[in-house]
Amino acid sequence: MKLNDNELAVLKVLAEAYSWDEDFCFSPFAPLMEQTGLDRATVRRACRSLRRKGLTRYQSGLWAETGELSGAGYAATAAGAALVEELP
């Protein structure tokens, strides 16, 4: 599967979180922006493209550890995490 540099950067961050907890590894755009150095529009495009490819999933209504509603985010799928593991 062909990924551009931005998609790969975002997927690597999400796959790292997937490795420690696949059910609670959703990330909103801000942390992805910080960890990849990409702007919001670029992260958003990458996340949506990865979702269409089946490598990420989207979830709304996420809750923060403080118990407050924290919005929505993306997480790697098993296929996305496996793809990152196969990379050199």
PDB file of N, CA and C in Angstrom:
ATOM      1  N   MET A   1       0.854  -1.177   0.000  1.00  0.00           N
ATOM      2  CA  MET A   1       0.000   0.000   0.000  1.00  0.00           C
ATOM      3  C   MET A   1       0.898   1.238   0.000  1.00  0.00           C
ATOM      4  N   LYS A   2       0.556   2.181  -0.826  1.00  0.00           N
ATOM      5  CA  LYS A   2       1.362   3.388  -0.948  1.00  0.00           C
ATOM      6  C   LYS A   2       0.869   4.473   0.019  1.00  0.00           C
ATOM      7  N   LEU A   3       1.798   5.005   0.802  1.00  0.00           N
ATOM      8  CA  LEU A   3       1.501   6.100   1.733  1.00  0.00           C
ATOM      9  C   LEU A   3       2.453   7.248   1.444  1.00  0.00           C
ATOM     10  N   ASN A   4       1.920   8.481   1.541  1.00  0.00           N
ATOM     11  CA  ASN A   4       2.818   9.625   1.399  1.00  0.00           C
ATOM     12  C   ASN A   4       3.508   9.887   2.741  1.00  0.00           C
ATOM     13  N   ASP A   5       4.460  10.796   2.754  1.00  0.00           N
ATOM     14  CA  ASP A   5       5.244  11.063   3.967  1.00  0.00           C
ATOM     15  C   ASP A   5       4.378  11.517   5.133  1.00  0.00           C
ATOM     16  N   ASN A   6       3.372  12.332   4.865  1.00  0.00           N
ATOM     17  CA  ASN A   6       2.498  12.830   5.935  1.00  0.00           C
ATOM     18  C   ASN A   6       1.663  11.698   6.528  1.00  0.00           C
ATOM     19  N   GLU A   7       1.107  10.855   5.678  1.00  0.00           N
ATOM     20  CA  GLU A   7       0.325   9.714   6.159  1.00  0.00           C
ATOM     21  C   GLU A   7       1.201   8.794   7.007  1.00  0.00           C
ATOM     22  N   LEU A   8       2.402   8.562   6.538  1.00  0.00           N
ATOM     23  CA  LEU A   8       3.316   7.681   7.262  1.00  0.00           C
ATOM     24  C   LEU A   8       3.674   8.257   8.629  1.00  0.00           C
ATOM     25  N   ALA A   9       3.928   9.554   8.701  1.00  0.00           N
ATOM     26  CA  ALA A   9       4.264  10.195   9.975  1.00  0.00           C
ATOM     27  C   ALA A   9       3.117  10.065  10.973  1.00  0.00           C
ATOM     28  N   VAL A  10       1.890  10.326  10.519  1.00  0.00           N
ATOM     29  CA  VAL A  10       0.717  10.232  11.388  1.00  0.00           C
ATOM     30  C   VAL A  10       0.483   8.781  11.805  1.00  0.00           C
ATOM     31  N   LEU A  11       0.567   7.860  10.865  1.00  0.00           N
ATOM     32  CA  LEU A  11       0.320   6.455  11.174  1.00  0.00           C
ATOM     33  C   LEU A  11       1.342   5.922  12.174  1.00  0.00           C
ATOM     34  N   LYS A  12       2.587   6.331  12.067  1.00  0.00           N
ATOM     35  CA  LYS A  12       3.608   5.877  13.013  1.00  0.00           C
ATOM     36  C   LYS A  12       3.272   6.298  14.441  1.00  0.00           C
ATOM     37  N   VAL A  13       2.801   7.531  14.612  1.00  0.00           N
ATOM     38  CA  VAL A  13       2.418   8.014  15.945  1.00  0.00           C
ATOM     39  C   VAL A  13       1.230   7.208  16.472  1.00  0.00           C
ATOM     40  N   LEU A  14       0.225   7.006  15.631  1.00  0.00           N
ATOM     41  CA  LEU A  14      -0.956   6.264  16.063  1.00  0.00           C
ATOM     42  C   LEU A  14      -0.633   4.798  16.330  1.00  0.00           C
ATOM     43  N   ALA A  15       0.238   4.206  15.540  1.00  0.00           N
ATOM     44  CA  ALA A  15       0.609   2.803  15.735  1.00  0.00           C
ATOM     45  C   ALA A  15       1.387   2.616  17.034  1.00  0.00           C
ATOM     46  N   GLU A  16       2.181   3.604  17.406  1.00  0.00           N
ATOM     47  CA  GLU A  16       2.913   3.518  18.672  1.00  0.00           C
ATOM     48  C   GLU A  16       1.933   3.457  19.842  1.00  0.00           C
ATOM     49  N   ALA A  17       0.904   4.267  19.800  1.00  0.00           N
ATOM     50  CA  ALA A  17      -0.115   4.247  20.856  1.00  0.00           C
ATOM     51  C   ALA A  17      -0.883   2.929  20.827  1.00  0.00           C
ATOM     52  N   TYR A  18      -1.159   2.410  19.640  1.00  0.00           N
ATOM     53  CA  TYR A  18      -1.882   1.143  19.492  1.00  0.00           C
ATOM     54  C   TYR A  18      -1.134   0.010  20.180  1.00  0.00           C
ATOM     55  N   SER A  19       0.165   0.052  20.140  1.00  0.00           N
ATOM     56  CA  SER A  19       0.970  -1.028  20.697  1.00  0.00           C
ATOM     57  C   SER A  19       0.790  -1.184  22.204  1.00  0.00           C
ATOM     58  N   TRP A  20       0.395  -0.126  22.893  1.00  0.00           N
ATOM     59  CA  TRP A  20       0.214  -0.284  24.337  1.00  0.00           C
ATOM     60  C   TRP A  20      -1.243  -0.407  24.755  1.00  0.00           C
ATOM     61  N   ASP A  21      -2.191   0.020  23.945  1.00  0.00           N
ATOM     62  CA  ASP A  21      -3.600  -0.181  24.298  1.00  0.00           C
ATOM     63  C   ASP A  21      -4.501   0.144  23.123  1.00  0.00           C
ATOM     64  N   GLU A  22      -4.947  -0.876  22.421  1.00  0.00           N
ATOM     65  CA  GLU A  22      -5.719  -0.653  21.206  1.00  0.00           C
ATOM     66  C   GLU A  22      -7.117  -0.090  21.442  1.00  0.00           C
ATOM     67  N   ASP A  23      -7.658  -0.202  22.649  1.00  0.00           N
ATOM     68  CA  ASP A  23      -8.997   0.313  22.920  1.00  0.00           C
ATOM     69  C   ASP A  23      -9.013   1.752  23.408  1.00  0.00           C
ATOM     70  N   PHE A  24      -7.898   2.246  23.889  1.00  0.00           N
ATOM     71  CA  PHE A  24      -7.851   3.597  24.453  1.00  0.00           C
ATOM     72  C   PHE A  24      -6.727   4.416  23.834  1.00  0.00           C
ATOM     73  N   CYS A  25      -6.557   4.296  22.545  1.00  0.00           N
ATOM     74  CA  CYS A  25      -5.411   4.932  21.891  1.00  0.00           C
ATOM     75  C   CYS A  25      -5.827   5.991  20.875  1.00  0.00           C
ATOM     76  N   PHE A  26      -7.002   6.563  21.028  1.00  0.00           N
ATOM     77  CA  PHE A  26      -7.458   7.588  20.096  1.00  0.00           C
ATOM     78  C   PHE A  26      -6.760   8.910  20.389  1.00  0.00           C
ATOM     79  N   SER A  27      -6.409   9.603  19.326  1.00  0.00           N
ATOM     80  CA  SER A  27      -5.708  10.872  19.477  1.00  0.00           C
ATOM     81  C   SER A  27      -6.422  11.961  18.684  1.00  0.00           C
ATOM     82  N   PRO A  28      -6.675  13.112  19.309  1.00  0.00           N
ATOM     83  CA  PRO A  28      -7.182  14.259  18.550  1.00  0.00           C
ATOM     84  C   PRO A  28      -6.043  14.862  17.723  1.00  0.00           C
ATOM     85  N   PHE A  29      -6.353  15.857  16.931  1.00  0.00           N
ATOM     86  CA  PHE A  29      -5.368  16.440  16.024  1.00  0.00           C
ATOM     87  C   PHE A  29      -4.200  17.126  16.737  1.00  0.00           C
ATOM     88  N   ALA A  30      -4.455  17.823  17.833  1.00  0.00           N
ATOM     89  CA  ALA A  30      -3.395  18.611  18.489  1.00  0.00           C
ATOM     90  C   ALA A  30      -2.165  17.778  18.855  1.00  0.00           C
ATOM     91  N   PRO A  31      -2.312  16.633  19.520  1.00  0.00           N
ATOM     92  CA  PRO A  31      -1.119  15.840  19.819  1.00  0.00           C
ATOM     93  C   PRO A  31      -0.433  15.303  18.552  1.00  0.00           C
ATOM     94  N   LEU A  32      -1.219  14.966  17.550  1.00  0.00           N
ATOM     95  CA  LEU A  32      -0.627  14.502  16.293  1.00  0.00           C
ATOM     96  C   LEU A  32       0.172  15.616  15.631  1.00  0.00           C
ATOM     97  N   MET A  33      -0.355  16.830  15.693  1.00  0.00           N
ATOM     98  CA  MET A  33       0.360  17.981  15.139  1.00  0.00           C
ATOM     99  C   MET A  33       1.688  18.174  15.874  1.00  0.00           C
ATOM    100  N   GLU A  34       1.643  18.088  17.181  1.00  0.00           N
ATOM    101  CA  GLU A  34       2.839  18.302  17.997  1.00  0.00           C
ATOM    102  C   GLU A  34       3.894  17.226  17.725  1.00  0.00           C
ATOM    103  N   GLN A  35       3.473  15.983  17.627  1.00  0.00           N
ATOM    104  CA  GLN A  35       4.425  14.883  17.466  1.00  0.00           C
ATOM    105  C   GLN A  35       4.964  14.752  16.051  1.00  0.00           C
ATOM    106  N   THR A  36       4.214  15.200  15.054  1.00  0.00           N
ATOM    107  CA  THR A  36       4.667  15.077  13.665  1.00  0.00           C
ATOM    108  C   THR A  36       5.250  16.369  13.107  1.00  0.00           C
ATOM    109  N   GLY A  37       4.922  17.510  13.714  1.00  0.00           N
ATOM    110  CA  GLY A  37       5.359  18.796  13.195  1.00  0.00           C
ATOM    111  C   GLY A  37       4.544  19.269  12.001  1.00  0.00           C
ATOM    112  N   LEU A  38       3.428  18.601  11.739  1.00  0.00           N
ATOM    113  CA  LEU A  38       2.552  18.963  10.615  1.00  0.00           C
ATOM    114  C   LEU A  38       1.464  19.917  11.075  1.00  0.00           C
ATOM    115  N   ASP A  39       0.943  20.725  10.151  1.00  0.00           N
ATOM    116  CA  ASP A  39      -0.157  21.628  10.506  1.00  0.00           C
ATOM    117  C   ASP A  39      -1.478  20.854  10.562  1.00  0.00           C
ATOM    118  N   ARG A  40      -2.500  21.501  11.110  1.00  0.00           N
ATOM    119  CA  ARG A  40      -3.786  20.856  11.346  1.00  0.00           C
ATOM    120  C   ARG A  40      -4.421  20.317  10.063  1.00  0.00           C
ATOM    121  N   ALA A  41      -4.424  21.102   9.006  1.00  0.00           N
ATOM    122  CA  ALA A  41      -5.042  20.676   7.754  1.00  0.00           C
ATOM    123  C   ALA A  41      -4.351  19.437   7.188  1.00  0.00           C
ATOM    124  N   THR A  42      -3.038  19.386   7.298  1.00  0.00           N
ATOM    125  CA  THR A  42      -2.278  18.251   6.790  1.00  0.00           C
ATOM    126  C   THR A  42      -2.551  16.999   7.612  1.00  0.00           C
ATOM    127  N   VAL A  43      -2.590  17.141   8.939  1.00  0.00           N
ATOM    128  CA  VAL A  43      -2.909  16.006   9.810  1.00  0.00           C
ATOM    129  C   VAL A  43      -4.319  15.514   9.517  1.00  0.00           C
ATOM    130  N   ARG A  44      -5.242  16.417   9.354  1.00  0.00           N
ATOM    131  CA  ARG A  44      -6.634  16.054   9.072  1.00  0.00           C
ATOM    132  C   ARG A  44      -6.739  15.269   7.761  1.00  0.00           C
ATOM    133  N   ARG A  45      -6.074  15.755   6.713  1.00  0.00           N
ATOM    134  CA  ARG A  45      -6.084  15.049   5.424  1.00  0.00           C
ATOM    135  C   ARG A  45      -5.468  13.658   5.547  1.00  0.00           C
ATOM    136  N   ALA A  46      -4.357  13.582   6.264  1.00  0.00           N
ATOM    137  CA  ALA A  46      -3.678  12.297   6.431  1.00  0.00           C
ATOM    138  C   ALA A  46      -4.564  11.303   7.186  1.00  0.00           C
ATOM    139  N   CYS A  47      -5.199  11.760   8.261  1.00  0.00           N
ATOM    140  CA  CYS A  47      -6.073  10.881   9.045  1.00  0.00           C
ATOM    141  C   CYS A  47      -7.238  10.370   8.203  1.00  0.00           C
ATOM    142  N   ARG A  48      -7.854  11.242   7.444  1.00  0.00           N
ATOM    143  CA  ARG A  48      -8.981  10.834   6.613  1.00  0.00           C
ATOM    144  C   ARG A  48      -8.563   9.873   5.509  1.00  0.00           C
ATOM    145  N   SER A  49      -7.419  10.130   4.912  1.00  0.00           N
ATOM    146  CA  SER A  49      -6.914   9.241   3.872  1.00  0.00           C
ATOM    147  C   SER A  49      -6.591   7.863   4.452  1.00  0.00           C
ATOM    148  N   LEU A  50      -5.959   7.844   5.615  1.00  0.00           N
ATOM    149  CA  LEU A  50      -5.633   6.582   6.271  1.00  0.00           C
ATOM    150  C   LEU A  50      -6.895   5.818   6.654  1.00  0.00           C
ATOM    151  N   ARG A  51      -7.940   6.532   7.044  1.00  0.00           N
ATOM    152  CA  ARG A  51      -9.215   5.875   7.380  1.00  0.00           C
ATOM    153  C   ARG A  51      -9.815   5.211   6.145  1.00  0.00           C
ATOM    154  N   ARG A  52      -9.776   5.916   5.013  1.00  0.00           N
ATOM    155  CA  ARG A  52     -10.302   5.330   3.769  1.00  0.00           C
ATOM    156  C   ARG A  52      -9.521   4.086   3.359  1.00  0.00           C
ATOM    157  N   LYS A  53      -8.258   4.039   3.722  1.00  0.00           N
ATOM    158  CA  LYS A  53      -7.415   2.884   3.397  1.00  0.00           C
ATOM    159  C   LYS A  53      -7.539   1.763   4.431  1.00  0.00           C
ATOM    160  N   GLY A  54      -8.311   2.000   5.486  1.00  0.00           N
ATOM    161  CA  GLY A  54      -8.515   0.982   6.517  1.00  0.00           C
ATOM    162  C   GLY A  54      -7.393   0.890   7.533  1.00  0.00           C
ATOM    163  N   LEU A  55      -6.555   1.914   7.607  1.00  0.00           N
ATOM    164  CA  LEU A  55      -5.408   1.881   8.503  1.00  0.00           C
ATOM    165  C   LEU A  55      -5.640   2.634   9.807  1.00  0.00           C
ATOM    166  N   THR A  56      -6.666   3.477   9.850  1.00  0.00           N
ATOM    167  CA  THR A  56      -7.056   4.166  11.081  1.00  0.00           C
ATOM    168  C   THR A  56      -8.563   4.072  11.240  1.00  0.00           C
ATOM    169  N   ARG A  57      -9.013   4.390  12.437  1.00  0.00           N
ATOM    170  CA  ARG A  57     -10.459   4.470  12.696  1.00  0.00           C
ATOM    171  C   ARG A  57     -10.740   5.765  13.449  1.00  0.00           C
ATOM    172  N   TYR A  58     -11.962   6.244  13.301  1.00  0.00           N
ATOM    173  CA  TYR A  58     -12.393   7.514  13.893  1.00  0.00           C
ATOM    174  C   TYR A  58     -13.394   7.225  14.997  1.00  0.00           C
ATOM    175  N   GLN A  59     -13.325   7.989  16.067  1.00  0.00           N
ATOM    176  CA  GLN A  59     -14.282   7.833  17.165  1.00  0.00           C
ATOM    177  C   GLN A  59     -14.637   9.209  17.717  1.00  0.00           C
ATOM    178  N   SER A  60     -15.898   9.476  17.845  1.00  0.00           N
ATOM    179  CA  SER A  60     -16.338  10.726  18.481  1.00  0.00           C
ATOM    180  C   SER A  60     -16.827  10.414  19.884  1.00  0.00           C
ATOM    181  N   GLY A  61     -16.995  11.450  20.677  1.00  0.00           N
ATOM    182  CA  GLY A  61     -17.482  11.270  22.044  1.00  0.00           C
ATOM    183  C   GLY A  61     -16.437  10.656  22.962  1.00  0.00           C
ATOM    184  N   LEU A  62     -15.192  11.021  22.787  1.00  0.00           N
ATOM    185  CA  LEU A  62     -14.128  10.488  23.630  1.00  0.00           C
ATOM    186  C   LEU A  62     -14.118  11.194  24.984  1.00  0.00           C
ATOM    187  N   TRP A  63     -13.684  10.468  25.986  1.00  0.00           N
ATOM    188  CA  TRP A  63     -13.596  11.014  27.337  1.00  0.00           C
ATOM    189  C   TRP A  63     -12.144  11.106  27.766  1.00  0.00           C
ATOM    190  N   ALA A  64     -11.800  12.201  28.424  1.00  0.00           N
ATOM    191  CA  ALA A  64     -10.443  12.385  28.948  1.00  0.00           C
ATOM    192  C   ALA A  64     -10.302  11.611  30.252  1.00  0.00           C
ATOM    193  N   GLU A  65      -9.075  11.422  30.694  1.00  0.00           N
ATOM    194  CA  GLU A  65      -8.827  10.727  31.961  1.00  0.00           C
ATOM    195  C   GLU A  65      -9.452  11.456  33.136  1.00  0.00           C
ATOM    196  N   THR A  66      -9.695  12.757  32.979  1.00  0.00           N
ATOM    197  CA  THR A  66     -10.302  13.547  34.049  1.00  0.00           C
ATOM    198  C   THR A  66     -11.804  13.331  34.137  1.00  0.00           C
ATOM    199  N   GLY A  67     -12.370  12.586  33.181  1.00  0.00           N
ATOM    200  CA  GLY A  67     -13.803  12.333  33.173  1.00  0.00           C
ATOM    201  C   GLY A  67     -14.590  13.340  32.362  1.00  0.00           C
ATOM    202  N   GLU A  68     -13.901  14.259  31.692  1.00  0.00           N
ATOM    203  CA  GLU A  68     -14.565  15.271  30.877  1.00  0.00           C
ATOM    204  C   GLU A  68     -14.602  14.826  29.422  1.00  0.00           C
ATOM    205  N   LEU A  69     -15.644  15.239  28.726  1.00  0.00           N
ATOM    206  CA  LEU A  69     -15.753  14.951  27.305  1.00  0.00           C
ATOM    207  C   LEU A  69     -14.627  15.663  26.576  1.00  0.00           C
ATOM    208  N   SER A  70     -13.862  14.924  25.762  1.00  0.00           N
ATOM    209  CA  SER A  70     -12.702  15.538  25.114  1.00  0.00           C
ATOM    210  C   SER A  70     -12.796  15.575  23.598  1.00  0.00           C
ATOM    211  N   GLY A  71     -13.931  15.247  23.021  1.00  0.00           N
ATOM    212  CA  GLY A  71     -14.096  15.386  21.580  1.00  0.00           C
ATOM    213  C   GLY A  71     -13.931  14.096  20.816  1.00  0.00           C
ATOM    214  N   ALA A  72     -13.169  14.156  19.724  1.00  0.00           N
ATOM    215  CA  ALA A  72     -13.024  13.023  18.823  1.00  0.00           C
ATOM    216  C   ALA A  72     -11.564  12.822  18.459  1.00  0.00           C
ATOM    217  N   GLY A  73     -11.278  11.666  17.882  1.00  0.00           N
ATOM    218  CA  GLY A  73      -9.908  11.402  17.481  1.00  0.00           C
ATOM    219  C   GLY A  73      -9.794  10.178  16.598  1.00  0.00           C
ATOM    220  N   TYR A  74      -8.574   9.888  16.222  1.00  0.00           N
ATOM    221  CA  TYR A  74      -8.250   8.757  15.357  1.00  0.00           C
ATOM    222  C   TYR A  74      -7.330   7.791  16.083  1.00  0.00           C
ATOM    223  N   ALA A  75      -7.409   6.523  15.702  1.00  0.00           N
ATOM    224  CA  ALA A  75      -6.531   5.483  16.229  1.00  0.00           C
ATOM    225  C   ALA A  75      -6.123   4.574  15.085  1.00  0.00           C
ATOM    226  N   ALA A  76      -4.985   3.935  15.229  1.00  0.00           N
ATOM    227  CA  ALA A  76      -4.559   2.945  14.240  1.00  0.00           C
ATOM    228  C   ALA A  76      -5.442   1.714  14.352  1.00  0.00           C
ATOM    229  N   THR A  77      -5.680   1.057  13.245  1.00  0.00           N
ATOM    230  CA  THR A  77      -6.341  -0.247  13.241  1.00  0.00           C
ATOM    231  C   THR A  77      -5.249  -1.314  13.372  1.00  0.00           C
ATOM    232  N   ALA A  78      -5.666  -2.558  13.527  1.00  0.00           N
ATOM    233  CA  ALA A  78      -4.693  -3.656  13.576  1.00  0.00           C
ATOM    234  C   ALA A  78      -3.887  -3.685  12.280  1.00  0.00           C
ATOM    235  N   ALA A  79      -4.541  -3.437  11.156  1.00  0.00           N
ATOM    236  CA  ALA A  79      -3.855  -3.424   9.862  1.00  0.00           C
ATOM    237  C   ALA A  79      -2.836  -2.284   9.795  1.00  0.00           C
ATOM    238  N   GLY A  80      -3.198  -1.120  10.327  1.00  0.00           N
ATOM    239  CA  GLY A  80      -2.292   0.017  10.343  1.00  0.00           C
ATOM    240  C   GLY A  80      -1.086  -0.230  11.206  1.00  0.00           C
ATOM    241  N   ALA A  81      -1.309  -0.799  12.395  1.00  0.00           N
ATOM    242  CA  ALA A  81      -0.206  -1.098  13.305  1.00  0.00           C
ATOM    243  C   ALA A  81       0.709  -2.166  12.696  1.00  0.00           C
ATOM    244  N   ALA A  82       0.122  -3.170  12.046  1.00  0.00           N
ATOM    245  CA  ALA A  82       0.917  -4.220  11.410  1.00  0.00           C
ATOM    246  C   ALA A  82       1.762  -3.667  10.264  1.00  0.00           C
ATOM    247  N   LEU A  83       1.196  -2.754   9.510  1.00  0.00           N
ATOM    248  CA  LEU A  83       1.933  -2.137   8.398  1.00  0.00           C
ATOM    249  C   LEU A  83       3.172  -1.393   8.899  1.00  0.00           C
ATOM    250  N   VAL A  84       3.010  -0.662   9.999  1.00  0.00           N
ATOM    251  CA  VAL A  84       4.135   0.088  10.570  1.00  0.00           C
ATOM    252  C   VAL A  84       5.207  -0.884  11.075  1.00  0.00           C
ATOM    253  N   GLU A  85       4.795  -1.987  11.672  1.00  0.00           N
ATOM    254  CA  GLU A  85       5.757  -2.977  12.160  1.00  0.00           C
ATOM    255  C   GLU A  85       6.590  -3.578  11.034  1.00  0.00           C
ATOM    256  N   GLU A  86       6.011  -3.662   9.846  1.00  0.00           N
ATOM    257  CA  GLU A  86       6.708  -4.250   8.698  1.00  0.00           C
ATOM    258  C   GLU A  86       7.681  -3.290   8.032  1.00  0.00           C
ATOM    259  N   LEU A  87       7.603  -2.011   8.359  1.00  0.00           N
ATOM    260  CA  LEU A  87       8.463  -1.020   7.733  1.00  0.00           C
ATOM    261  C   LEU A  87       9.913  -1.184   8.187  1.00  0.00           C
ATOM    262  N   PRO A  88      10.849  -0.874   7.293  1.00  0.00           N
ATOM    263  CA  PRO A  88      12.272  -0.971   7.676  1.00  0.00           C
ATOM    264  C   PRO A  88      12.662   0.085   8.690  1.00  0.00           C
TER     265      PRO A  88
END
